[in-house]
Amino acid sequence: MKATLRCLLYNPSNEDLDLISDMMNHFCKAKHFAYKRLEENRFTEGFKIHELSKIVSENYGLNSRQSKDAVEQARQTMISQVQ
């Protein structure tokens, strides 16, 4: 089970805003990378999604939850495009 908390930053400093922007940038790039790898390997039998999350984690410096979320969002986007 995963829990997500919503937060509100009161008077964030420029440093905080830069940090959040950087984190969002890494996540979006990771999601795009995962989508492209899923698209390339759609019909490959030996392709494993859990290996993709490890590659995403290594390439973009994300923790395992973030990389799995990026891969899952990319997969859901691909599914929505097919239907």
PDB file of N, CA and C in Angstrom:
ATOM      1  N   MET A   1       0.841  -1.171   0.000  1.00  0.00           N
ATOM      2  CA  MET A   1       0.000   0.000   0.000  1.00  0.00           C
ATOM      3  C   MET A   1       0.886   1.233   0.000  1.00  0.00           C
ATOM      4  N   LYS A   2       0.508   2.208  -0.796  1.00  0.00           N
ATOM      5  CA  LYS A   2       1.280   3.440  -0.769  1.00  0.00           C
ATOM      6  C   LYS A   2       0.382   4.592  -0.362  1.00  0.00           C
ATOM      7  N   ALA A   3       0.943   5.488   0.392  1.00  0.00           N
ATOM      8  CA  ALA A   3       0.204   6.642   0.876  1.00  0.00           C
ATOM      9  C   ALA A   3       0.808   7.894   0.267  1.00  0.00           C
ATOM     10  N   THR A   4      -0.049   8.787  -0.156  1.00  0.00           N
ATOM     11  CA  THR A   4       0.396  10.044  -0.731  1.00  0.00           C
ATOM     12  C   THR A   4      -0.198  11.181   0.086  1.00  0.00           C
ATOM     13  N   LEU A   5       0.636  12.097   0.469  1.00  0.00           N
ATOM     14  CA  LEU A   5       0.200  13.255   1.237  1.00  0.00           C
ATOM     15  C   LEU A   5       0.231  14.489   0.363  1.00  0.00           C
ATOM     16  N   ARG A   6      -0.796  15.285   0.466  1.00  0.00           N
ATOM     17  CA  ARG A   6      -0.802  16.575  -0.224  1.00  0.00           C
ATOM     18  C   ARG A   6      -0.344  17.632   0.765  1.00  0.00           C
ATOM     19  N   CYS A   7       0.480  18.522   0.292  1.00  0.00           N
ATOM     20  CA  CYS A   7       1.042  19.542   1.166  1.00  0.00           C
ATOM     21  C   CYS A   7       0.892  20.910   0.525  1.00  0.00           C
ATOM     22  N   LEU A   8       0.941  21.904   1.347  1.00  0.00           N
ATOM     23  CA  LEU A   8       0.907  23.284   0.879  1.00  0.00           C
ATOM     24  C   LEU A   8       2.095  24.005   1.499  1.00  0.00           C
ATOM     25  N   LEU A   9       2.918  24.599   0.662  1.00  0.00           N
ATOM     26  CA  LEU A   9       4.085  25.321   1.147  1.00  0.00           C
ATOM     27  C   LEU A   9       3.723  26.792   1.319  1.00  0.00           C
ATOM     28  N   TYR A  10       3.849  27.274   2.537  1.00  0.00           N
ATOM     29  CA  TYR A  10       3.617  28.691   2.801  1.00  0.00           C
ATOM     30  C   TYR A  10       4.944  29.428   2.681  1.00  0.00           C
ATOM     31  N   ASN A  11       4.960  30.449   1.876  1.00  0.00           N
ATOM     32  CA  ASN A  11       6.149  31.273   1.664  1.00  0.00           C
ATOM     33  C   ASN A  11       7.385  30.448   1.303  1.00  0.00           C
ATOM     34  N   PRO A  12       7.297  29.666   0.241  1.00  0.00           N
ATOM     35  CA  PRO A  12       8.476  28.878  -0.138  1.00  0.00           C
ATOM     36  C   PRO A  12       9.588  29.799  -0.655  1.00  0.00           C
ATOM     37  N   SER A  13      10.791  29.441  -0.323  1.00  0.00           N
ATOM     38  CA  SER A  13      11.925  30.227  -0.816  1.00  0.00           C
ATOM     39  C   SER A  13      12.199  29.857  -2.268  1.00  0.00           C
ATOM     40  N   ASN A  14      12.997  30.647  -2.911  1.00  0.00           N
ATOM     41  CA  ASN A  14      13.372  30.354  -4.293  1.00  0.00           C
ATOM     42  C   ASN A  14      14.124  29.030  -4.385  1.00  0.00           C
ATOM     43  N   GLU A  15      14.884  28.722  -3.352  1.00  0.00           N
ATOM     44  CA  GLU A  15      15.612  27.456  -3.315  1.00  0.00           C
ATOM     45  C   GLU A  15      14.637  26.276  -3.273  1.00  0.00           C
ATOM     46  N   ASP A  16      13.580  26.399  -2.468  1.00  0.00           N
ATOM     47  CA  ASP A  16      12.562  25.338  -2.397  1.00  0.00           C
ATOM     48  C   ASP A  16      11.847  25.166  -3.733  1.00  0.00           C
ATOM     49  N   LEU A  17      11.494  26.269  -4.365  1.00  0.00           N
ATOM     50  CA  LEU A  17      10.816  26.204  -5.659  1.00  0.00           C
ATOM     51  C   LEU A  17      11.713  25.574  -6.725  1.00  0.00           C
ATOM     52  N   ASP A  18      12.996  25.905  -6.676  1.00  0.00           N
ATOM     53  CA  ASP A  18      13.943  25.303  -7.622  1.00  0.00           C
ATOM     54  C   ASP A  18      14.075  23.802  -7.394  1.00  0.00           C
ATOM     55  N   LEU A  19      14.093  23.389  -6.138  1.00  0.00           N
ATOM     56  CA  LEU A  19      14.194  21.971  -5.802  1.00  0.00           C
ATOM     57  C   LEU A  19      12.964  21.202  -6.302  1.00  0.00           C
ATOM     58  N   ILE A  20      11.784  21.745  -6.083  1.00  0.00           N
ATOM     59  CA  ILE A  20      10.555  21.093  -6.535  1.00  0.00           C
ATOM     60  C   ILE A  20      10.513  21.038  -8.053  1.00  0.00           C
ATOM     61  N   SER A  21      10.892  22.121  -8.693  1.00  0.00           N
ATOM     62  CA  SER A  21      10.910  22.161 -10.153  1.00  0.00           C
ATOM     63  C   SER A  21      11.890  21.138 -10.713  1.00  0.00           C
ATOM     64  N   ASP A  22      13.036  21.004 -10.076  1.00  0.00           N
ATOM     65  CA  ASP A  22      14.041  20.027 -10.509  1.00  0.00           C
ATOM     66  C   ASP A  22      13.529  18.597 -10.344  1.00  0.00           C
ATOM     67  N   MET A  23      12.861  18.324  -9.227  1.00  0.00           N
ATOM     68  CA  MET A  23      12.299  16.986  -8.996  1.00  0.00           C
ATOM     69  C   MET A  23      11.223  16.657 -10.029  1.00  0.00           C
ATOM     70  N   MET A  24      10.371  17.631 -10.341  1.00  0.00           N
ATOM     71  CA  MET A  24       9.323  17.408 -11.340  1.00  0.00           C
ATOM     72  C   MET A  24       9.931  17.197 -12.719  1.00  0.00           C
ATOM     73  N   ASN A  25      10.990  17.929 -13.015  1.00  0.00           N
ATOM     74  CA  ASN A  25      11.669  17.791 -14.298  1.00  0.00           C
ATOM     75  C   ASN A  25      12.253  16.387 -14.458  1.00  0.00           C
ATOM     76  N   HIS A  26      12.911  15.878 -13.413  1.00  0.00           N
ATOM     77  CA  HIS A  26      13.473  14.522 -13.453  1.00  0.00           C
ATOM     78  C   HIS A  26      12.367  13.480 -13.646  1.00  0.00           C
ATOM     79  N   PHE A  27      11.262  13.642 -12.919  1.00  0.00           N
ATOM     80  CA  PHE A  27      10.172  12.676 -13.014  1.00  0.00           C
ATOM     81  C   PHE A  27       9.551  12.686 -14.415  1.00  0.00           C
ATOM     82  N   CYS A  28       9.337  13.856 -14.979  1.00  0.00           N
ATOM     83  CA  CYS A  28       8.748  13.943 -16.327  1.00  0.00           C
ATOM     84  C   CYS A  28       9.674  13.342 -17.380  1.00  0.00           C
ATOM     85  N   LYS A  29      10.959  13.590 -17.255  1.00  0.00           N
ATOM     86  CA  LYS A  29      11.922  12.990 -18.181  1.00  0.00           C
ATOM     87  C   LYS A  29      11.944  11.476 -18.033  1.00  0.00           C
ATOM     88  N   ALA A  30      11.865  10.996 -16.803  1.00  0.00           N
ATOM     89  CA  ALA A  30      11.855   9.551 -16.556  1.00  0.00           C
ATOM     90  C   ALA A  30      10.600   8.917 -17.146  1.00  0.00           C
ATOM     91  N   LYS A  31       9.473   9.584 -17.011  1.00  0.00           N
ATOM     92  CA  LYS A  31       8.220   9.067 -17.564  1.00  0.00           C
ATOM     93  C   LYS A  31       8.277   9.017 -19.088  1.00  0.00           C
ATOM     94  N   HIS A  32       8.851  10.033 -19.692  1.00  0.00           N
ATOM     95  CA  HIS A  32       9.003  10.058 -21.151  1.00  0.00           C
ATOM     96  C   HIS A  32       9.935   8.944 -21.613  1.00  0.00           C
ATOM     97  N   PHE A  33      11.036   8.750 -20.904  1.00  0.00           N
ATOM     98  CA  PHE A  33      11.983   7.681 -21.219  1.00  0.00           C
ATOM     99  C   PHE A  33      11.287   6.325 -21.134  1.00  0.00           C
ATOM    100  N   ALA A  34      10.529   6.109 -20.056  1.00  0.00           N
ATOM    101  CA  ALA A  34       9.826   4.835 -19.869  1.00  0.00           C
ATOM    102  C   ALA A  34       8.801   4.616 -20.979  1.00  0.00           C
ATOM    103  N   TYR A  35       8.089   5.657 -21.353  1.00  0.00           N
ATOM    104  CA  TYR A  35       7.094   5.537 -22.425  1.00  0.00           C
ATOM    105  C   TYR A  35       7.761   5.111 -23.734  1.00  0.00           C
ATOM    106  N   LYS A  36       8.873   5.735 -24.046  1.00  0.00           N
ATOM    107  CA  LYS A  36       9.578   5.396 -25.291  1.00  0.00           C
ATOM    108  C   LYS A  36      10.098   3.965 -25.256  1.00  0.00           C
ATOM    109  N   ARG A  37      10.633   3.511 -24.098  1.00  0.00           N
ATOM    110  CA  ARG A  37      11.114   2.134 -24.007  1.00  0.00           C
ATOM    111  C   ARG A  37       9.956   1.146 -24.109  1.00  0.00           C
ATOM    112  N   LEU A  38       8.828   1.473 -23.505  1.00  0.00           N
ATOM    113  CA  LEU A  38       7.649   0.610 -23.616  1.00  0.00           C
ATOM    114  C   LEU A  38       7.161   0.543 -25.059  1.00  0.00           C
ATOM    115  N   GLU A  39       7.193   1.678 -25.725  1.00  0.00           N
ATOM    116  CA  GLU A  39       6.755   1.737 -27.121  1.00  0.00           C
ATOM    117  C   GLU A  39       7.674   0.918 -28.021  1.00  0.00           C
ATOM    118  N   GLU A  40       8.973   1.009 -27.788  1.00  0.00           N
ATOM    119  CA  GLU A  40       9.946   0.260 -28.586  1.00  0.00           C
ATOM    120  C   GLU A  40       9.821  -1.245 -28.372  1.00  0.00           C
ATOM    121  N   ASN A  41       9.535  -1.659 -27.150  1.00  0.00           N
ATOM    122  CA  ASN A  41       9.546  -3.077 -26.793  1.00  0.00           C
ATOM    123  C   ASN A  41       8.153  -3.655 -26.601  1.00  0.00           C
ATOM    124  N   ARG A  42       7.167  -3.039 -27.222  1.00  0.00           N
ATOM    125  CA  ARG A  42       5.790  -3.471 -27.034  1.00  0.00           C
ATOM    126  C   ARG A  42       5.580  -4.934 -27.415  1.00  0.00           C
ATOM    127  N   PHE A  43       6.236  -5.399 -28.454  1.00  0.00           N
ATOM    128  CA  PHE A  43       6.016  -6.750 -28.948  1.00  0.00           C
ATOM    129  C   PHE A  43       7.193  -7.685 -28.665  1.00  0.00           C
ATOM    130  N   THR A  44       8.108  -7.286 -27.801  1.00  0.00           N
ATOM    131  CA  THR A  44       9.257  -8.112 -27.450  1.00  0.00           C
ATOM    132  C   THR A  44       8.887  -9.009 -26.276  1.00  0.00           C
ATOM    133  N   GLU A  45       9.122 -10.293 -26.426  1.00  0.00           N
ATOM    134  CA  GLU A  45       8.720 -11.243 -25.392  1.00  0.00           C
ATOM    135  C   GLU A  45       9.594 -11.168 -24.145  1.00  0.00           C
ATOM    136  N   GLY A  46      10.885 -10.926 -24.298  1.00  0.00           N
ATOM    137  CA  GLY A  46      11.804 -10.939 -23.165  1.00  0.00           C
ATOM    138  C   GLY A  46      11.821  -9.663 -22.355  1.00  0.00           C
ATOM    139  N   PHE A  47      11.013  -8.693 -22.715  1.00  0.00           N
ATOM    140  CA  PHE A  47      11.025  -7.393 -22.045  1.00  0.00           C
ATOM    141  C   PHE A  47      10.290  -7.478 -20.704  1.00  0.00           C
ATOM    142  N   LYS A  48      10.936  -6.983 -19.650  1.00  0.00           N
ATOM    143  CA  LYS A  48      10.344  -7.004 -18.317  1.00  0.00           C
ATOM    144  C   LYS A  48      10.226  -5.579 -17.781  1.00  0.00           C
ATOM    145  N   ILE A  49       9.043  -5.242 -17.282  1.00  0.00           N
ATOM    146  CA  ILE A  49       8.799  -3.883 -16.792  1.00  0.00           C
ATOM    147  C   ILE A  49       9.618  -3.592 -15.538  1.00  0.00           C
ATOM    148  N   HIS A  50       9.802  -4.579 -14.648  1.00  0.00           N
ATOM    149  CA  HIS A  50      10.569  -4.314 -13.423  1.00  0.00           C
ATOM    150  C   HIS A  50      12.030  -3.980 -13.746  1.00  0.00           C
ATOM    151  N   GLU A  51      12.552  -4.503 -14.839  1.00  0.00           N
ATOM    152  CA  GLU A  51      13.903  -4.121 -15.256  1.00  0.00           C
ATOM    153  C   GLU A  51      13.927  -2.676 -15.745  1.00  0.00           C
ATOM    154  N   LEU A  52      12.845  -2.258 -16.390  1.00  0.00           N
ATOM    155  CA  LEU A  52      12.755  -0.877 -16.860  1.00  0.00           C
ATOM    156  C   LEU A  52      12.755   0.091 -15.688  1.00  0.00           C
ATOM    157  N   SER A  53      12.064  -0.241 -14.608  1.00  0.00           N
ATOM    158  CA  SER A  53      12.048   0.661 -13.450  1.00  0.00           C
ATOM    159  C   SER A  53      13.439   0.783 -12.828  1.00  0.00           C
ATOM    160  N   LYS A  54      14.232  -0.284 -12.868  1.00  0.00           N
ATOM    161  CA  LYS A  54      15.611  -0.211 -12.367  1.00  0.00           C
ATOM    162  C   LYS A  54      16.451   0.708 -13.246  1.00  0.00           C
ATOM    163  N   ILE A  55      16.279   0.592 -14.564  1.00  0.00           N
ATOM    164  CA  ILE A  55      17.029   1.448 -15.492  1.00  0.00           C
ATOM    165  C   ILE A  55      16.643   2.915 -15.300  1.00  0.00           C
ATOM    166  N   VAL A  56      15.350   3.173 -15.148  1.00  0.00           N
ATOM    167  CA  VAL A  56      14.873   4.544 -14.926  1.00  0.00           C
ATOM    168  C   VAL A  56      15.456   5.093 -13.632  1.00  0.00           C
ATOM    169  N   SER A  57      15.457   4.281 -12.596  1.00  0.00           N
ATOM    170  CA  SER A  57      15.991   4.711 -11.311  1.00  0.00           C
ATOM    171  C   SER A  57      17.469   5.083 -11.407  1.00  0.00           C
ATOM    172  N   GLU A  58      18.226   4.268 -12.121  1.00  0.00           N
ATOM    173  CA  GLU A  58      19.658   4.540 -12.268  1.00  0.00           C
ATOM    174  C   GLU A  58      19.928   5.769 -13.135  1.00  0.00           C
ATOM    175  N   ASN A  59      19.191   5.903 -14.232  1.00  0.00           N
ATOM    176  CA  ASN A  59      19.446   6.993 -15.171  1.00  0.00           C
ATOM    177  C   ASN A  59      19.029   8.359 -14.638  1.00  0.00           C
ATOM    178  N   TYR A  60      17.968   8.412 -13.847  1.00  0.00           N
ATOM    179  CA  TYR A  60      17.420   9.699 -13.437  1.00  0.00           C
ATOM    180  C   TYR A  60      17.542   9.982 -11.946  1.00  0.00           C
ATOM    181  N   GLY A  61      18.197   9.109 -11.208  1.00  0.00           N
ATOM    182  CA  GLY A  61      18.438   9.356  -9.793  1.00  0.00           C
ATOM    183  C   GLY A  61      17.171   9.364  -8.957  1.00  0.00           C
ATOM    184  N   LEU A  62      16.193   8.548  -9.332  1.00  0.00           N
ATOM    185  CA  LEU A  62      14.953   8.467  -8.582  1.00  0.00           C
ATOM    186  C   LEU A  62      14.990   7.261  -7.650  1.00  0.00           C
ATOM    187  N   ASN A  63      14.209   7.325  -6.578  1.00  0.00           N
ATOM    188  CA  ASN A  63      14.119   6.144  -5.726  1.00  0.00           C
ATOM    189  C   ASN A  63      13.194   5.130  -6.389  1.00  0.00           C
ATOM    190  N   SER A  64      13.078   3.951  -5.808  1.00  0.00           N
ATOM    191  CA  SER A  64      12.333   2.871  -6.462  1.00  0.00           C
ATOM    192  C   SER A  64      10.853   3.205  -6.613  1.00  0.00           C
ATOM    193  N   ARG A  65      10.262   3.870  -5.625  1.00  0.00           N
ATOM    194  CA  ARG A  65       8.847   4.223  -5.741  1.00  0.00           C
ATOM    195  C   ARG A  65       8.624   5.210  -6.876  1.00  0.00           C
ATOM    196  N   GLN A  66       9.461   6.222  -6.963  1.00  0.00           N
ATOM    197  CA  GLN A  66       9.310   7.218  -8.021  1.00  0.00           C
ATOM    198  C   GLN A  66       9.503   6.596  -9.393  1.00  0.00           C
ATOM    199  N   SER A  67      10.490   5.713  -9.527  1.00  0.00           N
ATOM    200  CA  SER A  67      10.727   5.094 -10.830  1.00  0.00           C
ATOM    201  C   SER A  67       9.586   4.156 -11.212  1.00  0.00           C
ATOM    202  N   LYS A  68       9.048   3.420 -10.252  1.00  0.00           N
ATOM    203  CA  LYS A  68       7.904   2.548 -10.541  1.00  0.00           C
ATOM    204  C   LYS A  68       6.673   3.370 -10.906  1.00  0.00           C
ATOM    205  N   ASP A  69       6.480   4.510 -10.245  1.00  0.00           N
ATOM    206  CA  ASP A  69       5.360   5.384 -10.583  1.00  0.00           C
ATOM    207  C   ASP A  69       5.514   5.965 -11.985  1.00  0.00           C
ATOM    208  N   ALA A  70       6.734   6.329 -12.363  1.00  0.00           N
ATOM    209  CA  ALA A  70       6.974   6.865 -13.706  1.00  0.00           C
ATOM    210  C   ALA A  70       6.679   5.807 -14.766  1.00  0.00           C
ATOM    211  N   VAL A  71       7.122   4.589 -14.529  1.00  0.00           N
ATOM    212  CA  VAL A  71       6.869   3.500 -15.474  1.00  0.00           C
ATOM    213  C   VAL A  71       5.376   3.199 -15.544  1.00  0.00           C
ATOM    214  N   GLU A  72       4.706   3.185 -14.402  1.00  0.00           N
ATOM    215  CA  GLU A  72       3.271   2.888 -14.384  1.00  0.00           C
ATOM    216  C   GLU A  72       2.471   3.980 -15.090  1.00  0.00           C
ATOM    217  N   GLN A  73       2.825   5.241 -14.881  1.00  0.00           N
ATOM    218  CA  GLN A  73       2.128   6.320 -15.579  1.00  0.00           C
ATOM    219  C   GLN A  73       2.364   6.240 -17.077  1.00  0.00           C
ATOM    220  N   ALA A  74       3.565   5.885 -17.483  1.00  0.00           N
ATOM    221  CA  ALA A  74       3.856   5.718 -18.909  1.00  0.00           C
ATOM    222  C   ALA A  74       3.048   4.568 -19.488  1.00  0.00           C
ATOM    223  N   ARG A  75       2.947   3.472 -18.725  1.00  0.00           N
ATOM    224  CA  ARG A  75       2.174   2.313 -19.178  1.00  0.00           C
ATOM    225  C   ARG A  75       0.699   2.652 -19.301  1.00  0.00           C
ATOM    226  N   GLN A  76       0.174   3.394 -18.346  1.00  0.00           N
ATOM    227  CA  GLN A  76      -1.238   3.791 -18.394  1.00  0.00           C
ATOM    228  C   GLN A  76      -1.499   4.740 -19.567  1.00  0.00           C
ATOM    229  N   THR A  77      -0.551   5.611 -19.857  1.00  0.00           N
ATOM    230  CA  THR A  77      -0.699   6.487 -21.015  1.00  0.00           C
ATOM    231  C   THR A  77      -0.731   5.681 -22.302  1.00  0.00           C
ATOM    232  N   MET A  78       0.129   4.683 -22.383  1.00  0.00           N
ATOM    233  CA  MET A  78       0.150   3.830 -23.574  1.00  0.00           C
ATOM    234  C   MET A  78      -1.160   3.064 -23.723  1.00  0.00           C
ATOM    235  N   ILE A  79      -1.682   2.536 -22.629  1.00  0.00           N
ATOM    236  CA  ILE A  79      -2.950   1.809 -22.675  1.00  0.00           C
ATOM    237  C   ILE A  79      -4.081   2.718 -23.130  1.00  0.00           C
ATOM    238  N   SER A  80      -4.096   3.953 -22.624  1.00  0.00           N
ATOM    239  CA  SER A  80      -5.172   4.868 -22.992  1.00  0.00           C
ATOM    240  C   SER A  80      -5.116   5.255 -24.471  1.00  0.00           C
ATOM    241  N   GLN A  81      -3.928   5.235 -25.061  1.00  0.00           N
ATOM    242  CA  GLN A  81      -3.790   5.561 -26.475  1.00  0.00           C
ATOM    243  C   GLN A  81      -4.263   4.430 -27.371  1.00  0.00           C
ATOM    244  N   VAL A  82      -4.162   3.194 -26.899  1.00  0.00           N
ATOM    245  CA  VAL A  82      -4.546   2.031 -27.703  1.00  0.00           C
ATOM    246  C   VAL A  82      -6.053   1.913 -27.761  1.00  0.00           C
ATOM    247  N   GLN A  83      -6.734   2.155 -26.657  1.00  0.00           N
ATOM    248  CA  GLN A  83      -8.179   1.967 -26.605  1.00  0.00           C
ATOM    249  C   GLN A  83      -8.851   3.099 -27.204  1.00  0.00           C
TER     250      GLN A  83
END
